[in-house]
Amino acid sequence: MPTSRFEVLGAGAFPMLVHGALILLLTGSIIGSLRKIPADAYGRFAADVVAWGKAKRLVFVVFAGLGLYVAVMPVIGYTSSTFLFLITLLVTLAPKTRTALVVALVLALVFSFGLNWLFAEVFNVFLPRGN
């Protein structure tokens, strides 16, 4: 909003003042809460975080795979990167049976090559082809 000639601070002055006051109050509250935690609780917290990370390792694997998928897609294209991402993810997370592997392969083919064909031929939208 433009500043009026009668009000030098402008329309954004009050929200910025409230924001600054809230930052100070919340910072004080965080510091006060941290001072009340017993010293031995920090060691237990670190051990709990490590145990939680080990229990949720597959979640981290999926996020790392998703990051790699997004990074590789402009280079090798939608079809190849999606096929590799899905087949890796499905084989990693699915039961290790012959039926599950066949289903994983079919799903990876349909969602990579099939969706690329659908978007190109039906919707006339071309997904990334890669370099």
N, C-alpha and C. Protein backbone atom coordinates (compact mmCIF):
# COMPACT_ATOMS: atom_id res chain seq x y z
N MET A 1 0.84 -1.18 0.00
CA MET A 1 0.00 0.00 0.00
C MET A 1 0.88 1.24 0.00
N PRO A 2 0.49 2.24 -0.76
CA PRO A 2 1.29 3.46 -0.79
C PRO A 2 1.19 4.22 0.53
N THR A 3 2.25 4.92 0.84
CA THR A 3 2.30 5.73 2.06
C THR A 3 1.54 7.03 1.82
N SER A 4 0.71 7.39 2.78
CA SER A 4 -0.02 8.65 2.64
C SER A 4 0.84 9.79 3.18
N ARG A 5 0.47 11.00 2.81
CA ARG A 5 1.27 12.15 3.26
C ARG A 5 1.00 12.48 4.72
N PHE A 6 -0.09 11.93 5.29
CA PHE A 6 -0.41 12.21 6.69
C PHE A 6 0.17 11.16 7.64
N GLU A 7 0.49 9.99 7.09
CA GLU A 7 1.02 8.91 7.92
C GLU A 7 2.35 8.46 7.36
N VAL A 8 3.43 8.82 8.03
CA VAL A 8 4.77 8.56 7.53
C VAL A 8 5.12 7.07 7.58
N LEU A 9 4.65 6.36 8.59
CA LEU A 9 5.02 4.95 8.76
C LEU A 9 4.37 4.05 7.72
N GLY A 10 3.20 4.37 7.24
CA GLY A 10 2.55 3.55 6.23
C GLY A 10 1.62 2.52 6.84
N ALA A 11 0.91 1.80 5.96
CA ALA A 11 -0.09 0.83 6.41
C ALA A 11 0.54 -0.43 6.98
N GLY A 12 1.78 -0.73 6.62
CA GLY A 12 2.42 -1.95 7.09
C GLY A 12 3.11 -1.82 8.43
N ALA A 13 3.08 -0.65 9.05
CA ALA A 13 3.83 -0.44 10.30
C ALA A 13 3.24 -1.25 11.45
N PHE A 14 1.93 -1.25 11.61
CA PHE A 14 1.32 -1.97 12.73
C PHE A 14 1.52 -3.49 12.62
N PRO A 15 1.26 -4.11 11.45
CA PRO A 15 1.54 -5.56 11.37
C PRO A 15 3.00 -5.90 11.63
N MET A 16 3.93 -5.05 11.18
CA MET A 16 5.35 -5.32 11.45
C MET A 16 5.65 -5.18 12.93
N LEU A 17 5.02 -4.25 13.61
CA LEU A 17 5.20 -4.08 15.05
C LEU A 17 4.69 -5.31 15.80
N VAL A 18 3.50 -5.79 15.43
CA VAL A 18 2.93 -6.98 16.06
C VAL A 18 3.82 -8.19 15.79
N HIS A 19 4.31 -8.32 14.57
CA HIS A 19 5.18 -9.43 14.21
C HIS A 19 6.46 -9.42 15.04
N GLY A 20 7.07 -8.26 15.18
CA GLY A 20 8.28 -8.14 15.99
C GLY A 20 8.03 -8.48 17.45
N ALA A 21 6.91 -8.01 18.00
CA ALA A 21 6.57 -8.31 19.39
C ALA A 21 6.35 -9.81 19.58
N LEU A 22 5.68 -10.45 18.63
CA LEU A 22 5.46 -11.89 18.73
C LEU A 22 6.77 -12.67 18.66
N ILE A 23 7.68 -12.24 17.80
CA ILE A 23 8.99 -12.90 17.71
C ILE A 23 9.71 -12.82 19.05
N LEU A 24 9.72 -11.64 19.67
CA LEU A 24 10.39 -11.48 20.97
C LEU A 24 9.73 -12.33 22.04
N LEU A 25 8.40 -12.34 22.10
CA LEU A 25 7.70 -13.13 23.13
C LEU A 25 7.92 -14.62 22.93
N LEU A 26 7.84 -15.08 21.70
CA LEU A 26 8.03 -16.51 21.45
C LEU A 26 9.47 -16.95 21.68
N THR A 27 10.43 -16.10 21.33
CA THR A 27 11.83 -16.43 21.61
C THR A 27 12.06 -16.54 23.11
N GLY A 28 11.50 -15.62 23.87
CA GLY A 28 11.61 -15.68 25.33
C GLY A 28 10.95 -16.93 25.89
N SER A 29 9.82 -17.31 25.34
CA SER A 29 9.12 -18.51 25.80
C SER A 29 9.92 -19.77 25.48
N ILE A 30 10.53 -19.83 24.30
CA ILE A 30 11.36 -20.99 23.94
C ILE A 30 12.55 -21.11 24.87
N ILE A 31 13.23 -20.00 25.12
CA ILE A 31 14.40 -20.02 26.00
C ILE A 31 14.00 -20.43 27.40
N GLY A 32 12.87 -19.91 27.90
CA GLY A 32 12.40 -20.29 29.23
C GLY A 32 12.05 -21.76 29.33
N SER A 33 11.45 -22.31 28.28
CA SER A 33 11.10 -23.74 28.28
C SER A 33 12.34 -24.61 28.22
N LEU A 34 13.32 -24.21 27.42
CA LEU A 34 14.55 -25.00 27.33
C LEU A 34 15.32 -25.00 28.64
N ARG A 35 15.26 -23.92 29.40
CA ARG A 35 15.97 -23.86 30.68
C ARG A 35 15.34 -24.77 31.72
N LYS A 36 14.06 -25.11 31.56
CA LYS A 36 13.37 -25.96 32.54
C LYS A 36 13.58 -27.45 32.28
N ILE A 37 14.14 -27.82 31.14
CA ILE A 37 14.35 -29.24 30.82
C ILE A 37 15.54 -29.75 31.64
N PRO A 38 15.40 -30.89 32.31
CA PRO A 38 16.52 -31.44 33.07
C PRO A 38 17.68 -31.83 32.14
N ALA A 39 18.89 -31.75 32.65
CA ALA A 39 20.08 -31.99 31.83
C ALA A 39 20.14 -33.42 31.30
N ASP A 40 19.67 -34.40 32.08
CA ASP A 40 19.76 -35.79 31.62
C ASP A 40 18.77 -36.09 30.49
N ALA A 41 17.79 -35.23 30.27
CA ALA A 41 16.80 -35.47 29.22
C ALA A 41 17.41 -35.30 27.83
N TYR A 42 18.48 -34.52 27.69
CA TYR A 42 19.08 -34.31 26.38
C TYR A 42 19.68 -35.59 25.83
N GLY A 43 20.32 -36.39 26.66
CA GLY A 43 20.89 -37.66 26.23
C GLY A 43 19.80 -38.64 25.80
N ARG A 44 18.74 -38.70 26.58
CA ARG A 44 17.61 -39.57 26.20
C ARG A 44 16.99 -39.12 24.89
N PHE A 45 16.88 -37.82 24.70
CA PHE A 45 16.30 -37.28 23.47
C PHE A 45 17.13 -37.66 22.26
N ALA A 46 18.45 -37.54 22.39
CA ALA A 46 19.32 -37.90 21.27
C ALA A 46 19.20 -39.39 20.95
N ALA A 47 19.14 -40.23 21.98
CA ALA A 47 18.99 -41.67 21.75
C ALA A 47 17.64 -41.99 21.11
N ASP A 48 16.59 -41.28 21.53
CA ASP A 48 15.27 -41.49 20.93
C ASP A 48 15.23 -41.06 19.47
N VAL A 49 15.91 -39.97 19.14
CA VAL A 49 15.95 -39.50 17.76
C VAL A 49 16.68 -40.51 16.88
N VAL A 50 17.78 -41.05 17.36
CA VAL A 50 18.53 -42.06 16.59
C VAL A 50 17.68 -43.32 16.40
N ALA A 51 16.99 -43.76 17.45
CA ALA A 51 16.14 -44.95 17.33
C ALA A 51 14.99 -44.69 16.36
N TRP A 52 14.40 -43.50 16.41
CA TRP A 52 13.33 -43.15 15.48
C TRP A 52 13.84 -43.13 14.03
N GLY A 53 15.04 -42.59 13.82
CA GLY A 53 15.62 -42.56 12.48
C GLY A 53 15.87 -43.95 11.93
N LYS A 54 16.32 -44.86 12.80
CA LYS A 54 16.53 -46.25 12.35
C LYS A 54 15.21 -46.93 12.03
N ALA A 55 14.17 -46.64 12.82
CA ALA A 55 12.87 -47.26 12.58
C ALA A 55 12.23 -46.73 11.31
N LYS A 56 12.49 -45.50 10.95
CA LYS A 56 11.87 -44.87 9.78
C LYS A 56 12.83 -44.77 8.60
N ARG A 57 13.80 -45.66 8.51
CA ARG A 57 14.83 -45.56 7.47
C ARG A 57 14.25 -45.68 6.06
N LEU A 58 13.18 -46.44 5.88
CA LEU A 58 12.59 -46.56 4.56
C LEU A 58 11.97 -45.24 4.09
N VAL A 59 11.48 -44.45 5.02
CA VAL A 59 10.95 -43.13 4.66
C VAL A 59 12.08 -42.27 4.11
N PHE A 60 13.22 -42.32 4.74
CA PHE A 60 14.37 -41.55 4.25
C PHE A 60 14.84 -42.06 2.90
N VAL A 61 14.77 -43.37 2.69
CA VAL A 61 15.16 -43.94 1.40
C VAL A 61 14.21 -43.45 0.30
N VAL A 62 12.91 -43.41 0.60
CA VAL A 62 11.94 -42.94 -0.38
C VAL A 62 12.17 -41.47 -0.71
N PHE A 63 12.41 -40.63 0.29
CA PHE A 63 12.67 -39.22 0.04
C PHE A 63 13.97 -39.01 -0.74
N ALA A 64 14.98 -39.79 -0.44
CA ALA A 64 16.23 -39.68 -1.19
C ALA A 64 16.01 -40.12 -2.64
N GLY A 65 15.25 -41.19 -2.83
CA GLY A 65 14.93 -41.63 -4.18
C GLY A 65 14.12 -40.60 -4.94
N LEU A 66 13.19 -39.96 -4.26
CA LEU A 66 12.39 -38.91 -4.90
C LEU A 66 13.26 -37.73 -5.30
N GLY A 67 14.18 -37.35 -4.44
CA GLY A 67 15.10 -36.27 -4.79
C GLY A 67 15.97 -36.63 -5.98
N LEU A 68 16.46 -37.85 -6.01
CA LEU A 68 17.26 -38.30 -7.15
C LEU A 68 16.42 -38.35 -8.42
N TYR A 69 15.18 -38.79 -8.31
CA TYR A 69 14.25 -38.84 -9.45
C TYR A 69 14.03 -37.44 -10.04
N VAL A 70 13.78 -36.48 -9.18
CA VAL A 70 13.55 -35.10 -9.64
C VAL A 70 14.82 -34.52 -10.26
N ALA A 71 15.97 -34.85 -9.70
CA ALA A 71 17.23 -34.32 -10.23
C ALA A 71 17.61 -34.95 -11.57
N VAL A 72 17.26 -36.22 -11.76
CA VAL A 72 17.68 -36.95 -12.96
C VAL A 72 16.69 -36.75 -14.11
N MET A 73 15.43 -36.41 -13.81
CA MET A 73 14.42 -36.32 -14.87
C MET A 73 14.78 -35.37 -16.01
N PRO A 74 15.32 -34.18 -15.77
CA PRO A 74 15.68 -33.33 -16.91
C PRO A 74 16.81 -33.92 -17.76
N VAL A 75 17.61 -34.78 -17.19
CA VAL A 75 18.76 -35.33 -17.90
C VAL A 75 18.36 -36.53 -18.76
N ILE A 76 17.65 -37.50 -18.19
CA ILE A 76 17.33 -38.72 -18.94
C ILE A 76 15.88 -38.78 -19.40
N GLY A 77 15.05 -37.83 -18.98
CA GLY A 77 13.67 -37.78 -19.45
C GLY A 77 12.69 -38.41 -18.48
N TYR A 78 11.41 -38.10 -18.73
CA TYR A 78 10.34 -38.58 -17.86
C TYR A 78 10.23 -40.10 -17.87
N THR A 79 10.19 -40.67 -19.05
CA THR A 79 9.91 -42.10 -19.16
C THR A 79 10.96 -42.95 -18.46
N SER A 80 12.21 -42.72 -18.75
CA SER A 80 13.28 -43.52 -18.16
C SER A 80 13.39 -43.30 -16.66
N SER A 81 13.35 -42.03 -16.24
CA SER A 81 13.51 -41.75 -14.81
C SER A 81 12.32 -42.28 -14.01
N THR A 82 11.11 -42.17 -14.55
CA THR A 82 9.95 -42.69 -13.84
C THR A 82 9.98 -44.20 -13.76
N PHE A 83 10.37 -44.86 -14.85
CA PHE A 83 10.47 -46.32 -14.82
C PHE A 83 11.50 -46.77 -13.77
N LEU A 84 12.68 -46.16 -13.78
CA LEU A 84 13.72 -46.54 -12.81
C LEU A 84 13.29 -46.26 -11.38
N PHE A 85 12.67 -45.10 -11.15
CA PHE A 85 12.22 -44.74 -9.81
C PHE A 85 11.16 -45.72 -9.32
N LEU A 86 10.16 -45.98 -10.15
CA LEU A 86 9.07 -46.85 -9.71
C LEU A 86 9.51 -48.30 -9.53
N ILE A 87 10.31 -48.82 -10.45
CA ILE A 87 10.73 -50.21 -10.31
C ILE A 87 11.61 -50.38 -9.06
N THR A 88 12.48 -49.41 -8.80
CA THR A 88 13.32 -49.48 -7.60
C THR A 88 12.49 -49.39 -6.34
N LEU A 89 11.56 -48.44 -6.31
CA LEU A 89 10.73 -48.25 -5.13
C LEU A 89 9.81 -49.44 -4.89
N LEU A 90 9.18 -49.92 -5.94
CA LEU A 90 8.25 -51.04 -5.78
C LEU A 90 8.96 -52.33 -5.39
N VAL A 91 10.12 -52.59 -5.96
CA VAL A 91 10.86 -53.80 -5.59
C VAL A 91 11.37 -53.69 -4.15
N THR A 92 11.75 -52.49 -3.75
CA THR A 92 12.24 -52.30 -2.38
C THR A 92 11.12 -52.48 -1.35
N LEU A 93 9.93 -51.95 -1.64
CA LEU A 93 8.87 -51.95 -0.64
C LEU A 93 7.92 -53.14 -0.73
N ALA A 94 7.84 -53.79 -1.88
CA ALA A 94 6.89 -54.90 -2.06
C ALA A 94 7.44 -56.19 -1.46
N PRO A 95 6.55 -57.13 -1.20
CA PRO A 95 7.02 -58.45 -0.75
C PRO A 95 7.87 -59.10 -1.83
N LYS A 96 8.77 -59.95 -1.45
CA LYS A 96 9.71 -60.57 -2.39
C LYS A 96 9.13 -61.86 -2.96
N THR A 97 8.02 -61.73 -3.68
CA THR A 97 7.42 -62.88 -4.35
C THR A 97 7.43 -62.63 -5.85
N ARG A 98 7.27 -63.71 -6.61
CA ARG A 98 7.27 -63.59 -8.07
C ARG A 98 6.08 -62.74 -8.54
N THR A 99 4.92 -62.92 -7.93
CA THR A 99 3.73 -62.15 -8.30
C THR A 99 3.94 -60.66 -8.04
N ALA A 100 4.52 -60.34 -6.90
CA ALA A 100 4.75 -58.93 -6.57
C ALA A 100 5.74 -58.29 -7.54
N LEU A 101 6.75 -59.04 -7.96
CA LEU A 101 7.71 -58.51 -8.92
C LEU A 101 7.08 -58.27 -10.28
N VAL A 102 6.19 -59.18 -10.71
CA VAL A 102 5.50 -58.99 -11.99
C VAL A 102 4.58 -57.78 -11.91
N VAL A 103 3.85 -57.64 -10.81
CA VAL A 103 2.97 -56.49 -10.62
C VAL A 103 3.79 -55.20 -10.60
N ALA A 104 4.93 -55.21 -9.94
CA ALA A 104 5.79 -54.03 -9.90
C ALA A 104 6.27 -53.65 -11.30
N LEU A 105 6.66 -54.64 -12.08
CA LEU A 105 7.12 -54.38 -13.44
C LEU A 105 5.99 -53.81 -14.31
N VAL A 106 4.80 -54.39 -14.21
CA VAL A 106 3.66 -53.89 -14.99
C VAL A 106 3.31 -52.47 -14.58
N LEU A 107 3.26 -52.19 -13.27
CA LEU A 107 2.94 -50.84 -12.80
C LEU A 107 3.98 -49.83 -13.27
N ALA A 108 5.25 -50.19 -13.19
CA ALA A 108 6.30 -49.28 -13.62
C ALA A 108 6.20 -49.00 -15.11
N LEU A 109 5.90 -50.02 -15.91
CA LEU A 109 5.74 -49.82 -17.36
C LEU A 109 4.53 -48.95 -17.68
N VAL A 110 3.41 -49.22 -17.01
CA VAL A 110 2.18 -48.45 -17.28
C VAL A 110 2.35 -47.00 -16.88
N PHE A 111 2.91 -46.75 -15.70
CA PHE A 111 3.00 -45.38 -15.23
C PHE A 111 4.17 -44.60 -15.83
N SER A 112 5.07 -45.25 -16.52
CA SER A 112 6.13 -44.50 -17.20
C SER A 112 5.83 -44.38 -18.69
N PHE A 113 5.82 -45.50 -19.39
CA PHE A 113 5.57 -45.46 -20.83
C PHE A 113 4.11 -45.17 -21.15
N GLY A 114 3.19 -45.73 -20.38
CA GLY A 114 1.77 -45.52 -20.63
C GLY A 114 1.34 -44.07 -20.43
N LEU A 115 1.76 -43.47 -19.33
CA LEU A 115 1.41 -42.07 -19.09
C LEU A 115 2.07 -41.14 -20.09
N ASN A 116 3.29 -41.46 -20.50
CA ASN A 116 3.96 -40.65 -21.51
C ASN A 116 3.18 -40.71 -22.82
N TRP A 117 2.73 -41.92 -23.21
CA TRP A 117 1.93 -42.05 -24.43
C TRP A 117 0.60 -41.30 -24.29
N LEU A 118 -0.07 -41.45 -23.15
CA LEU A 118 -1.36 -40.78 -22.93
C LEU A 118 -1.23 -39.27 -23.05
N PHE A 119 -0.24 -38.70 -22.39
CA PHE A 119 -0.07 -37.25 -22.44
C PHE A 119 0.32 -36.78 -23.84
N ALA A 120 1.16 -37.53 -24.53
CA ALA A 120 1.62 -37.10 -25.85
C ALA A 120 0.53 -37.25 -26.90
N GLU A 121 -0.18 -38.37 -26.91
CA GLU A 121 -1.14 -38.65 -27.97
C GLU A 121 -2.53 -38.10 -27.71
N VAL A 122 -2.97 -38.14 -26.47
CA VAL A 122 -4.34 -37.72 -26.17
C VAL A 122 -4.40 -36.25 -25.79
N PHE A 123 -3.53 -35.83 -24.87
CA PHE A 123 -3.59 -34.45 -24.37
C PHE A 123 -2.67 -33.49 -25.12
N ASN A 124 -1.81 -34.01 -25.98
CA ASN A 124 -0.82 -33.19 -26.70
C ASN A 124 0.05 -32.38 -25.74
N VAL A 125 0.40 -32.99 -24.63
CA VAL A 125 1.32 -32.38 -23.65
C VAL A 125 2.54 -33.29 -23.62
N PHE A 126 3.69 -32.73 -23.92
CA PHE A 126 4.90 -33.55 -24.00
C PHE A 126 5.70 -33.44 -22.71
N LEU A 127 5.91 -34.58 -22.09
CA LEU A 127 6.67 -34.64 -20.85
C LEU A 127 8.16 -34.54 -21.19
N PRO A 128 8.99 -34.21 -20.18
CA PRO A 128 10.42 -34.03 -20.46
C PRO A 128 11.05 -35.24 -21.14
N ARG A 129 11.80 -34.99 -22.21
CA ARG A 129 12.43 -36.07 -22.97
C ARG A 129 13.88 -36.29 -22.55
N GLY A 130 14.48 -35.34 -21.90
CA GLY A 130 15.88 -35.48 -21.50
C GLY A 130 16.80 -34.87 -22.53
N ASN A 131 18.08 -34.87 -22.19
CA ASN A 131 19.07 -34.25 -23.09
C ASN A 131 19.66 -35.24 -24.05
